[in-house]
Amino acid sequence: MGKLSVNLCGIELDNPVIPASGTFGFGYEFAELYDINMLGTFSFKGTTKEARFGNPTPRIAETPNGMINAVGLQNPGVEKVVSEELPKLAKCFDKKVMANVSGFSVEEYVYTCEKIDKCDQVGWIEVNISCPNVHGGGMAFGTTPEGAAEVTRAVKAVTTKPIIIKLSPNVTDIVAIAKACEAAGADGISLINTLLGMRIDLRTRKPVIANKMGGFSGSAIFPVAVRMVYQVSHAVNIPVVGMGGVSSAEDVIEMLMAGAVAVEVGAANLVDPYACKNIIEDLPRVMEKYRIDSLRDLKIQ
């Protein structure tokens, strides 16, 4: 057990750094750049029951200190993820990987989680409940405690692996939703997903992305993420994975102090594909600077 190691839902990680879903593909793309086995783990591309092409372009735009995206969960569908993507990953990654699952109905979440749960490579299933509920007027499952609990209970009934529910920050009471997920059987919580944002091009007088609004991420949202991680980690008794604007080893330490047990890095990977590698390599220096001997139990009160 090294000084960088942490434990996430009963599984040991060499370090707490996890590339976030949607920013690291299925991993093997980054394995061409460096040995991705140095990562704690990573959360692979959001997977749905059916293949999805995603939203119309343009669907990504830079903003000061961040970016807006509305990619629309482009993925090949769970059958191909299991039969094609995971075998490719196995050739370059020998650790447990975190699956990320999305759906537009409870039945879709259940179907996809049940398929993923049978994969030996998968250590955790991260369930993104920020998707529109097509049977509920388009409101995301994660916007109410009831909706969040419904998905949590349903996927727990068909899985054996730890279920980590990924929460949206676009709500009025993040703590109530997190507690509802815990009560419904969630093994962990991850947050925050992107904030809802929008920019307008002054020349064209049109929104900068075709979807008009999209997920706002990047370093600008870090203080919001730290606040929500702190609130949730002090309200639940299950592990919290913190994310949102993390771009340095110092940010990782701050998230752990807020109460996270592991930390996901998102938009930074799109700016610099070596971001997670650099953060991991810099952690010992930052730990020494702040006289930190272990990354476990850094949570402040």
C-alpha atoms as a PDB file:
ATOM      1  CA  MET A   1       0.000   0.000   0.000  1.00  0.00           C
ATOM      2  CA  GLY A   2       1.782   3.138  -1.238  1.00  0.00           C
ATOM      3  CA  LYS A   3       1.372   6.622   0.151  1.00  0.00           C
ATOM      4  CA  LEU A   4      -0.662   7.619  -2.934  1.00  0.00           C
ATOM      5  CA  SER A   5      -3.069   4.686  -2.643  1.00  0.00           C
ATOM      6  CA  VAL A   6      -6.763   5.005  -1.789  1.00  0.00           C
ATOM      7  CA  ASN A   7      -9.702   2.626  -1.478  1.00  0.00           C
ATOM      8  CA  LEU A   8     -12.831   3.104  -3.577  1.00  0.00           C
ATOM      9  CA  CYS A   9     -15.781   0.911  -2.609  1.00  0.00           C
ATOM     10  CA  GLY A  10     -13.504  -1.875  -1.389  1.00  0.00           C
ATOM     11  CA  ILE A  11     -11.110  -1.826  -4.357  1.00  0.00           C
ATOM     12  CA  GLU A  12      -7.567  -0.510  -3.851  1.00  0.00           C
ATOM     13  CA  LEU A  13      -6.291   2.139  -6.272  1.00  0.00           C
ATOM     14  CA  ASP A  14      -2.581   2.964  -6.660  1.00  0.00           C
ATOM     15  CA  ASN A  15      -3.563   6.638  -6.623  1.00  0.00           C
ATOM     16  CA  PRO A  16      -6.815   8.650  -6.578  1.00  0.00           C
ATOM     17  CA  VAL A  17      -6.576  10.075 -10.117  1.00  0.00           C
ATOM     18  CA  ILE A  18      -9.319   8.911 -12.522  1.00  0.00           C
ATOM     19  CA  PRO A  19      -9.884  10.390 -16.002  1.00  0.00           C
ATOM     20  CA  ALA A  20     -13.582  11.266 -16.238  1.00  0.00           C
ATOM     21  CA  SER A  21     -16.043   9.700 -18.642  1.00  0.00           C
ATOM     22  CA  GLY A  22     -16.246  11.352 -22.023  1.00  0.00           C
ATOM     23  CA  THR A  23     -12.724  12.769 -21.845  1.00  0.00           C
ATOM     24  CA  PHE A  24     -10.677   9.553 -22.140  1.00  0.00           C
ATOM     25  CA  GLY A  25     -12.534   7.490 -24.746  1.00  0.00           C
ATOM     26  CA  PHE A  26     -12.186   3.778 -24.047  1.00  0.00           C
ATOM     27  CA  GLY A  27      -8.620   4.241 -22.826  1.00  0.00           C
ATOM     28  CA  TYR A  28      -6.636   2.526 -25.548  1.00  0.00           C
ATOM     29  CA  GLU A  29      -6.475   5.795 -27.511  1.00  0.00           C
ATOM     30  CA  PHE A  30      -4.425   7.329 -24.686  1.00  0.00           C
ATOM     31  CA  ALA A  31      -2.327   4.168 -24.295  1.00  0.00           C
ATOM     32  CA  GLU A  32      -0.565   5.221 -27.490  1.00  0.00           C
ATOM     33  CA  LEU A  33       0.776   8.238 -25.579  1.00  0.00           C
ATOM     34  CA  TYR A  34       1.782   6.723 -22.209  1.00  0.00           C
ATOM     35  CA  ASP A  35       1.295   3.678 -19.992  1.00  0.00           C
ATOM     36  CA  ILE A  36      -2.239   4.193 -18.706  1.00  0.00           C
ATOM     37  CA  ASN A  37      -1.663   1.563 -16.006  1.00  0.00           C
ATOM     38  CA  MET A  38      -0.187   4.411 -13.957  1.00  0.00           C
ATOM     39  CA  LEU A  39      -3.753   5.748 -13.479  1.00  0.00           C
ATOM     40  CA  GLY A  40      -5.840   4.857 -10.437  1.00  0.00           C
ATOM     41  CA  THR A  41      -8.408   3.740 -12.999  1.00  0.00           C
ATOM     42  CA  PHE A  42     -10.540   5.615 -15.547  1.00  0.00           C
ATOM     43  CA  SER A  43     -14.217   6.006 -16.340  1.00  0.00           C
ATOM     44  CA  PHE A  44     -14.852   5.041 -19.934  1.00  0.00           C
ATOM     45  CA  LYS A  45     -17.084   6.751 -22.482  1.00  0.00           C
ATOM     46  CA  GLY A  46     -20.746   7.020 -21.471  1.00  0.00           C
ATOM     47  CA  THR A  47     -22.518   3.892 -22.704  1.00  0.00           C
ATOM     48  CA  THR A  48     -26.191   3.498 -23.593  1.00  0.00           C
ATOM     49  CA  LYS A  49     -28.336   0.528 -24.600  1.00  0.00           C
ATOM     50  CA  GLU A  50     -28.409   1.508 -28.270  1.00  0.00           C
ATOM     51  CA  ALA A  51     -25.692   3.124 -30.390  1.00  0.00           C
ATOM     52  CA  ARG A  52     -25.892   6.919 -30.528  1.00  0.00           C
ATOM     53  CA  PHE A  53     -24.427   9.308 -33.077  1.00  0.00           C
ATOM     54  CA  GLY A  54     -24.857  12.274 -30.746  1.00  0.00           C
ATOM     55  CA  ASN A  55     -25.960  15.854 -31.265  1.00  0.00           C
ATOM     56  CA  PRO A  56     -25.457  17.988 -34.389  1.00  0.00           C
ATOM     57  CA  THR A  57     -22.251  20.008 -34.722  1.00  0.00           C
ATOM     58  CA  PRO A  58     -20.795  22.319 -33.589  1.00  0.00           C
ATOM     59  CA  ARG A  59     -21.079  20.642 -30.207  1.00  0.00           C
ATOM     60  CA  ILE A  60     -17.942  21.769 -28.387  1.00  0.00           C
ATOM     61  CA  ALA A  61     -16.818  25.362 -27.837  1.00  0.00           C
ATOM     62  CA  GLU A  62     -14.078  26.918 -25.717  1.00  0.00           C
ATOM     63  CA  THR A  63     -14.878  29.602 -23.184  1.00  0.00           C
ATOM     64  CA  PRO A  64     -12.615  31.537 -20.808  1.00  0.00           C
ATOM     65  CA  ASN A  65     -11.418  29.035 -18.168  1.00  0.00           C
ATOM     66  CA  GLY A  66     -13.636  26.273 -19.518  1.00  0.00           C
ATOM     67  CA  MET A  67     -15.667  24.803 -22.321  1.00  0.00           C
ATOM     68  CA  ILE A  68     -19.270  24.038 -23.295  1.00  0.00           C
ATOM     69  CA  ASN A  69     -20.168  20.698 -24.811  1.00  0.00           C
ATOM     70  CA  ALA A  70     -23.302  18.983 -26.024  1.00  0.00           C
ATOM     71  CA  VAL A  71     -21.817  15.849 -27.564  1.00  0.00           C
ATOM     72  CA  GLY A  72     -24.978  13.870 -26.851  1.00  0.00           C
ATOM     73  CA  LEU A  73     -23.579  10.585 -25.524  1.00  0.00           C
ATOM     74  CA  GLN A  74     -22.090   9.419 -28.825  1.00  0.00           C
ATOM     75  CA  ASN A  75     -21.186   5.749 -28.330  1.00  0.00           C
ATOM     76  CA  PRO A  76     -21.436   2.393 -30.137  1.00  0.00           C
ATOM     77  CA  GLY A  77     -23.994   0.907 -27.723  1.00  0.00           C
ATOM     78  CA  VAL A  78     -23.445  -1.566 -24.902  1.00  0.00           C
ATOM     79  CA  GLU A  79     -23.267  -4.703 -27.096  1.00  0.00           C
ATOM     80  CA  LYS A  80     -20.284  -3.354 -29.058  1.00  0.00           C
ATOM     81  CA  VAL A  81     -18.669  -1.896 -25.948  1.00  0.00           C
ATOM     82  CA  VAL A  82     -18.666  -5.386 -24.419  1.00  0.00           C
ATOM     83  CA  SER A  83     -17.687  -7.272 -27.583  1.00  0.00           C
ATOM     84  CA  GLU A  84     -15.217  -4.807 -29.171  1.00  0.00           C
ATOM     85  CA  GLU A  85     -14.114  -1.921 -26.945  1.00  0.00           C
ATOM     86  CA  LEU A  86     -13.327  -3.831 -23.747  1.00  0.00           C
ATOM     87  CA  PRO A  87     -11.242  -6.518 -25.516  1.00  0.00           C
ATOM     88  CA  LYS A  88      -9.159  -3.721 -27.111  1.00  0.00           C
ATOM     89  CA  LEU A  89      -8.700  -2.123 -23.697  1.00  0.00           C
ATOM     90  CA  ALA A  90      -7.588  -5.438 -22.154  1.00  0.00           C
ATOM     91  CA  LYS A  91      -4.487  -5.368 -24.368  1.00  0.00           C
ATOM     92  CA  CYS A  92      -3.167  -2.194 -22.712  1.00  0.00           C
ATOM     93  CA  PHE A  93      -4.848  -1.871 -19.290  1.00  0.00           C
ATOM     94  CA  ASP A  94      -4.570  -4.568 -16.630  1.00  0.00           C
ATOM     95  CA  LYS A  95      -6.557  -2.875 -13.839  1.00  0.00           C
ATOM     96  CA  LYS A  96     -10.273  -2.750 -13.156  1.00  0.00           C
ATOM     97  CA  VAL A  97     -11.978  -0.048 -15.221  1.00  0.00           C
ATOM     98  CA  MET A  98     -14.964   2.089 -14.276  1.00  0.00           C
ATOM     99  CA  ALA A  99     -17.933   1.754 -16.618  1.00  0.00           C
ATOM    100  CA  ASN A 100     -20.139   4.791 -17.185  1.00  0.00           C
ATOM    101  CA  VAL A 101     -23.776   4.088 -18.026  1.00  0.00           C
ATOM    102  CA  SER A 102     -26.533   6.407 -19.241  1.00  0.00           C
ATOM    103  CA  GLY A 103     -30.155   5.830 -20.174  1.00  0.00           C
ATOM    104  CA  PHE A 104     -33.388   7.522 -21.144  1.00  0.00           C
ATOM    105  CA  SER A 105     -35.660   5.238 -19.138  1.00  0.00           C
ATOM    106  CA  VAL A 106     -35.262   3.080 -16.043  1.00  0.00           C
ATOM    107  CA  GLU A 107     -35.506   0.016 -18.286  1.00  0.00           C
ATOM    108  CA  GLU A 108     -32.550   1.216 -20.386  1.00  0.00           C
ATOM    109  CA  TYR A 109     -30.397   1.777 -17.293  1.00  0.00           C
ATOM    110  CA  VAL A 110     -31.264  -1.715 -16.043  1.00  0.00           C
ATOM    111  CA  TYR A 111     -30.510  -3.387 -19.385  1.00  0.00           C
ATOM    112  CA  THR A 112     -27.136  -1.676 -19.825  1.00  0.00           C
ATOM    113  CA  CYS A 113     -25.996  -2.117 -16.215  1.00  0.00           C
ATOM    114  CA  GLU A 114     -26.909  -5.795 -16.270  1.00  0.00           C
ATOM    115  CA  LYS A 115     -24.810  -6.326 -19.423  1.00  0.00           C
ATOM    116  CA  ILE A 116     -21.835  -4.375 -18.053  1.00  0.00           C
ATOM    117  CA  ASP A 117     -22.012  -6.121 -14.682  1.00  0.00           C
ATOM    118  CA  LYS A 118     -21.031  -9.419 -16.332  1.00  0.00           C
ATOM    119  CA  CYS A 119     -17.685  -7.995 -17.553  1.00  0.00           C
ATOM    120  CA  ASP A 120     -14.729  -9.072 -15.426  1.00  0.00           C
ATOM    121  CA  GLN A 121     -12.727  -6.002 -16.483  1.00  0.00           C
ATOM    122  CA  VAL A 122     -15.251  -3.655 -14.866  1.00  0.00           C
ATOM    123  CA  GLY A 123     -14.696  -2.827 -11.201  1.00  0.00           C
ATOM    124  CA  TRP A 124     -17.363  -0.169 -10.665  1.00  0.00           C
ATOM    125  CA  ILE A 125     -20.424   1.027 -12.578  1.00  0.00           C
ATOM    126  CA  GLU A 126     -20.834   4.807 -12.594  1.00  0.00           C
ATOM    127  CA  VAL A 127     -24.471   5.598 -13.367  1.00  0.00           C
ATOM    128  CA  ASN A 128     -25.020   9.010 -14.924  1.00  0.00           C
ATOM    129  CA  ILE A 129     -28.506  10.174 -13.923  1.00  0.00           C
ATOM    130  CA  SER A 130     -28.264  13.530 -15.696  1.00  0.00           C
ATOM    131  CA  CYS A 131     -30.041  12.120 -18.769  1.00  0.00           C
ATOM    132  CA  PRO A 132     -33.539  13.269 -19.744  1.00  0.00           C
ATOM    133  CA  ASN A 133     -36.247  10.857 -18.634  1.00  0.00           C
ATOM    134  CA  VAL A 134     -38.146  10.300 -21.884  1.00  0.00           C
ATOM    135  CA  HIS A 135     -41.121   8.943 -19.946  1.00  0.00           C
ATOM    136  CA  GLY A 136     -41.113  11.847 -17.509  1.00  0.00           C
ATOM    137  CA  GLY A 137     -41.386  14.887 -19.747  1.00  0.00           C
ATOM    138  CA  GLY A 138     -37.654  15.176 -20.385  1.00  0.00           C
ATOM    139  CA  MET A 139     -36.627  16.086 -16.837  1.00  0.00           C
ATOM    140  CA  ALA A 140     -33.370  14.403 -15.806  1.00  0.00           C
ATOM    141  CA  PHE A 141     -33.639  11.499 -13.355  1.00  0.00           C
ATOM    142  CA  GLY A 142     -31.109  13.199 -11.098  1.00  0.00           C
ATOM    143  CA  THR A 143     -33.114  16.378 -10.505  1.00  0.00           C
ATOM    144  CA  THR A 144     -35.316  14.869  -7.789  1.00  0.00           C
ATOM    145  CA  PRO A 145     -34.578  12.527  -4.867  1.00  0.00           C
ATOM    146  CA  GLU A 146     -37.401  10.260  -6.041  1.00  0.00           C
ATOM    147  CA  GLY A 147     -36.096   9.941  -9.593  1.00  0.00           C
ATOM    148  CA  ALA A 148     -32.523   9.352  -8.418  1.00  0.00           C
ATOM    149  CA  ALA A 149     -33.639   6.693  -5.939  1.00  0.00           C
ATOM    150  CA  GLU A 150     -35.758   4.931  -8.564  1.00  0.00           C
ATOM    151  CA  VAL A 151     -32.810   4.438 -10.907  1.00  0.00           C
ATOM    152  CA  THR A 152     -30.512   3.443  -8.034  1.00  0.00           C
ATOM    153  CA  ARG A 153     -32.868   0.759  -6.725  1.00  0.00           C
ATOM    154  CA  ALA A 154     -33.483  -0.611 -10.223  1.00  0.00           C
ATOM    155  CA  VAL A 155     -29.820  -1.011 -11.182  1.00  0.00           C
ATOM    156  CA  LYS A 156     -28.827  -2.370  -7.773  1.00  0.00           C
ATOM    157  CA  ALA A 157     -31.383  -5.148  -8.227  1.00  0.00           C
ATOM    158  CA  VAL A 158     -29.546  -6.503 -11.295  1.00  0.00           C
ATOM    159  CA  THR A 159     -25.885  -5.897 -10.438  1.00  0.00           C
ATOM    160  CA  THR A 160     -23.178  -7.249  -8.153  1.00  0.00           C
ATOM    161  CA  LYS A 161     -20.484  -4.601  -8.660  1.00  0.00           C
ATOM    162  CA  PRO A 162     -20.304  -1.311  -6.707  1.00  0.00           C
ATOM    163  CA  ILE A 163     -22.757   1.240  -8.100  1.00  0.00           C
ATOM    164  CA  ILE A 164     -21.587   4.872  -8.057  1.00  0.00           C
ATOM    165  CA  ILE A 165     -24.337   7.363  -8.888  1.00  0.00           C
ATOM    166  CA  LYS A 166     -23.114  10.431 -10.800  1.00  0.00           C
ATOM    167  CA  LEU A 167     -25.051  13.540  -9.803  1.00  0.00           C
ATOM    168  CA  SER A 168     -25.889  16.709 -11.688  1.00  0.00           C
ATOM    169  CA  PRO A 169     -25.148  20.074 -10.041  1.00  0.00           C
ATOM    170  CA  ASN A 170     -28.146  21.644 -11.807  1.00  0.00           C
ATOM    171  CA  VAL A 171     -30.415  21.140  -8.790  1.00  0.00           C
ATOM    172  CA  THR A 172     -31.538  23.075  -5.730  1.00  0.00           C
ATOM    173  CA  ASP A 173     -30.629  20.477  -3.077  1.00  0.00           C
ATOM    174  CA  ILE A 174     -27.728  18.175  -3.968  1.00  0.00           C
ATOM    175  CA  VAL A 175     -27.608  16.721  -0.435  1.00  0.00           C
ATOM    176  CA  ALA A 176     -31.213  15.461  -0.500  1.00  0.00           C
ATOM    177  CA  ILE A 177     -30.581  13.698  -3.817  1.00  0.00           C
ATOM    178  CA  ALA A 178     -27.325  12.121  -2.596  1.00  0.00           C
ATOM    179  CA  LYS A 179     -29.006  10.869   0.579  1.00  0.00           C
ATOM    180  CA  ALA A 180     -31.866   9.395  -1.454  1.00  0.00           C
ATOM    181  CA  CYS A 181     -29.336   7.479  -3.579  1.00  0.00           C
ATOM    182  CA  GLU A 182     -27.601   6.193  -0.447  1.00  0.00           C
ATOM    183  CA  ALA A 183     -30.916   5.069   1.046  1.00  0.00           C
ATOM    184  CA  ALA A 184     -31.752   3.268  -2.216  1.00  0.00           C
ATOM    185  CA  GLY A 185     -28.545   1.242  -2.006  1.00  0.00           C
ATOM    186  CA  ALA A 186     -25.875   3.241  -3.865  1.00  0.00           C
ATOM    187  CA  ASP A 187     -22.320   2.181  -3.004  1.00  0.00           C
ATOM    188  CA  GLY A 188     -20.867   5.589  -3.839  1.00  0.00           C
ATOM    189  CA  ILE A 189     -21.611   9.045  -5.250  1.00  0.00           C
ATOM    190  CA  SER A 190     -19.669  10.940  -7.914  1.00  0.00           C
ATOM    191  CA  LEU A 191     -20.066  14.667  -8.513  1.00  0.00           C
ATOM    192  CA  ILE A 192     -20.257  17.092 -10.079  1.00  0.00           C
ATOM    193  CA  ASN A 193     -21.352  16.566 -13.643  1.00  0.00           C
ATOM    194  CA  THR A 194     -21.280  19.659 -15.867  1.00  0.00           C
ATOM    195  CA  LEU A 195     -23.184  22.850 -15.118  1.00  0.00           C
ATOM    196  CA  LEU A 196     -25.674  23.988 -17.742  1.00  0.00           C
ATOM    197  CA  GLY A 197     -24.168  26.828 -19.762  1.00  0.00           C
ATOM    198  CA  MET A 198     -24.581  28.864 -22.923  1.00  0.00           C
ATOM    199  CA  ARG A 199     -22.607  31.381 -25.001  1.00  0.00           C
ATOM    200  CA  ILE A 200     -23.684  33.505 -27.996  1.00  0.00           C
ATOM    201  CA  ASP A 201     -21.448  34.443 -30.935  1.00  0.00           C
ATOM    202  CA  LEU A 202     -21.757  38.208 -31.396  1.00  0.00           C
ATOM    203  CA  ARG A 203     -20.910  38.035 -35.099  1.00  0.00           C
ATOM    204  CA  THR A 204     -23.411  35.359 -36.091  1.00  0.00           C
ATOM    205  CA  ARG A 205     -25.905  36.241 -33.334  1.00  0.00           C
ATOM    206  CA  LYS A 206     -26.356  32.537 -32.702  1.00  0.00           C
ATOM    207  CA  PRO A 207     -25.434  30.223 -29.818  1.00  0.00           C
ATOM    208  CA  VAL A 208     -21.873  28.887 -30.163  1.00  0.00           C
ATOM    209  CA  ILE A 209     -23.099  25.272 -30.201  1.00  0.00           C
ATOM    210  CA  ALA A 210     -25.945  23.803 -32.258  1.00  0.00           C
ATOM    211  CA  ASN A 211     -27.768  22.531 -29.177  1.00  0.00           C
ATOM    212  CA  LYS A 212     -27.919  26.138 -27.847  1.00  0.00           C
ATOM    213  CA  MET A 213     -27.109  25.017 -24.276  1.00  0.00           C
ATOM    214  CA  GLY A 214     -24.585  22.459 -23.085  1.00  0.00           C
ATOM    215  CA  GLY A 215     -22.478  21.221 -20.230  1.00  0.00           C
ATOM    216  CA  PHE A 216     -20.090  23.851 -18.872  1.00  0.00           C
ATOM    217  CA  SER A 217     -16.860  22.381 -17.488  1.00  0.00           C
ATOM    218  CA  GLY A 218     -13.268  23.380 -16.822  1.00  0.00           C
ATOM    219  CA  SER A 219     -11.381  25.183 -14.063  1.00  0.00           C
ATOM    220  CA  ALA A 220     -14.072  27.865 -13.700  1.00  0.00           C
ATOM    221  CA  ILE A 221     -16.447  25.368 -12.045  1.00  0.00           C
ATOM    222  CA  PHE A 222     -13.923  24.039  -9.493  1.00  0.00           C
ATOM    223  CA  PRO A 223     -15.157  26.086  -6.491  1.00  0.00           C
ATOM    224  CA  VAL A 224     -18.737  24.898  -7.114  1.00  0.00           C
ATOM    225  CA  ALA A 225     -17.525  21.299  -7.275  1.00  0.00           C
ATOM    226  CA  VAL A 226     -15.516  21.586  -4.057  1.00  0.00           C
ATOM    227  CA  ARG A 227     -18.543  23.039  -2.266  1.00  0.00           C
ATOM    228  CA  MET A 228     -20.874  20.264  -3.422  1.00  0.00           C
ATOM    229  CA  VAL A 229     -18.359  17.494  -2.669  1.00  0.00           C
ATOM    230  CA  TYR A 230     -17.936  18.937   0.829  1.00  0.00           C
ATOM    231  CA  GLN A 231     -21.699  19.100   1.409  1.00  0.00           C
ATOM    232  CA  VAL A 232     -22.411  15.590   0.138  1.00  0.00           C
ATOM    233  CA  SER A 233     -19.423  13.872   1.764  1.00  0.00           C
ATOM    234  CA  HIS A 234     -20.485  15.255   5.146  1.00  0.00           C
ATOM    235  CA  ALA A 235     -24.080  14.082   4.661  1.00  0.00           C
ATOM    236  CA  VAL A 236     -23.612  10.475   3.473  1.00  0.00           C
ATOM    237  CA  ASN A 237     -21.693   7.462   4.748  1.00  0.00           C
ATOM    238  CA  ILE A 238     -20.659   6.105   1.355  1.00  0.00           C
ATOM    239  CA  PRO A 239     -17.561   7.123  -0.671  1.00  0.00           C
ATOM    240  CA  VAL A 240     -17.640  10.259  -2.787  1.00  0.00           C
ATOM    241  CA  VAL A 241     -15.682  10.687  -6.019  1.00  0.00           C
ATOM    242  CA  GLY A 242     -15.046  14.384  -6.627  1.00  0.00           C
ATOM    243  CA  MET A 243     -14.749  16.067 -10.011  1.00  0.00           C
ATOM    244  CA  GLY A 244     -15.331  19.382 -11.714  1.00  0.00           C
ATOM    245  CA  GLY A 245     -12.540  21.627 -12.950  1.00  0.00           C
ATOM    246  CA  VAL A 246      -9.689  19.562 -11.497  1.00  0.00           C
ATOM    247  CA  SER A 247      -6.482  20.372 -13.360  1.00  0.00           C
ATOM    248  CA  SER A 248      -3.559  20.036 -10.918  1.00  0.00           C
ATOM    249  CA  ALA A 249      -2.178  17.936  -8.071  1.00  0.00           C
ATOM    250  CA  GLU A 250      -3.157  20.753  -5.699  1.00  0.00           C
ATOM    251  CA  ASP A 251      -6.755  20.487  -6.942  1.00  0.00           C
ATOM    252  CA  VAL A 252      -6.723  16.752  -6.214  1.00  0.00           C
ATOM    253  CA  ILE A 253      -5.561  17.364  -2.630  1.00  0.00           C
ATOM    254  CA  GLU A 254      -8.237  20.037  -2.169  1.00  0.00           C
ATOM    255  CA  MET A 255     -10.950  17.645  -3.390  1.00  0.00           C
ATOM    256  CA  LEU A 256      -9.718  14.985  -0.953  1.00  0.00           C
ATOM    257  CA  MET A 257      -9.807  17.540   1.860  1.00  0.00           C
ATOM    258  CA  ALA A 258     -13.386  18.402   0.859  1.00  0.00           C
ATOM    259  CA  GLY A 259     -14.258  14.757   1.471  1.00  0.00           C
ATOM    260  CA  ALA A 260     -13.655  12.864  -1.779  1.00  0.00           C
ATOM    261  CA  VAL A 261     -11.879   9.496  -1.622  1.00  0.00           C
ATOM    262  CA  ALA A 262     -10.891   9.660  -5.311  1.00  0.00           C
ATOM    263  CA  VAL A 263     -10.885  12.412  -7.936  1.00  0.00           C
ATOM    264  CA  GLU A 264     -11.897  12.472 -11.594  1.00  0.00           C
ATOM    265  CA  VAL A 265     -10.196  14.754 -14.112  1.00  0.00           C
ATOM    266  CA  GLY A 266     -12.322  15.803 -17.088  1.00  0.00           C
ATOM    267  CA  ALA A 267     -11.879  18.845 -19.313  1.00  0.00           C
ATOM    268  CA  ALA A 268      -8.146  19.044 -18.550  1.00  0.00           C
ATOM    269  CA  ASN A 269      -7.651  15.852 -20.615  1.00  0.00           C
ATOM    270  CA  LEU A 270      -9.054  17.629 -23.659  1.00  0.00           C
ATOM    271  CA  VAL A 271      -6.596  20.489 -23.240  1.00  0.00           C
ATOM    272  CA  ASP A 272      -3.584  18.282 -22.490  1.00  0.00           C
ATOM    273  CA  PRO A 273      -3.737  14.500 -23.062  1.00  0.00           C
ATOM    274  CA  TYR A 274      -0.939  14.101 -20.500  1.00  0.00           C
ATOM    275  CA  ALA A 275      -2.889  15.950 -17.772  1.00  0.00           C
ATOM    276  CA  CYS A 276      -3.547  12.914 -15.560  1.00  0.00           C
ATOM    277  CA  LYS A 277      -0.009  11.593 -15.999  1.00  0.00           C
ATOM    278  CA  ASN A 278       1.406  14.967 -14.968  1.00  0.00           C
ATOM    279  CA  ILE A 279      -0.926  15.243 -11.963  1.00  0.00           C
ATOM    280  CA  ILE A 280       0.030  11.782 -10.666  1.00  0.00           C
ATOM    281  CA  GLU A 281       3.737  12.495 -11.093  1.00  0.00           C
ATOM    282  CA  ASP A 282       3.362  15.812  -9.256  1.00  0.00           C
ATOM    283  CA  LEU A 283       1.386  14.459  -6.278  1.00  0.00           C
ATOM    284  CA  PRO A 284       4.454  13.412  -4.218  1.00  0.00           C
ATOM    285  CA  ARG A 285       5.901  16.935  -4.504  1.00  0.00           C
ATOM    286  CA  VAL A 286       2.653  18.564  -3.384  1.00  0.00           C
ATOM    287  CA  MET A 287       2.251  16.072  -0.547  1.00  0.00           C
ATOM    288  CA  GLU A 288       5.747  16.866   0.679  1.00  0.00           C
ATOM    289  CA  LYS A 289       5.092  20.613   0.399  1.00  0.00           C
ATOM    290  CA  TYR A 290       2.010  20.349   2.632  1.00  0.00           C
ATOM    291  CA  ARG A 291       3.462  17.655   4.903  1.00  0.00           C
ATOM    292  CA  ILE A 292       0.943  15.002   3.857  1.00  0.00           C
ATOM    293  CA  ASP A 293       2.042  11.397   4.443  1.00  0.00           C
ATOM    294  CA  SER A 294      -1.018   9.625   3.015  1.00  0.00           C
ATOM    295  CA  LEU A 295      -3.940  10.567   0.771  1.00  0.00           C
ATOM    296  CA  ARG A 296      -6.395   8.687   2.969  1.00  0.00           C
ATOM    297  CA  ASP A 297      -8.451  10.475   5.605  1.00  0.00           C
ATOM    298  CA  LEU A 298      -7.636  14.053   4.547  1.00  0.00           C
ATOM    299  CA  LYS A 299     -11.275  15.114   4.928  1.00  0.00           C
ATOM    300  CA  ILE A 300     -11.719  18.330   6.902  1.00  0.00           C
ATOM    301  CA  GLN A 301     -14.661  18.986   9.215  1.00  0.00           C
END
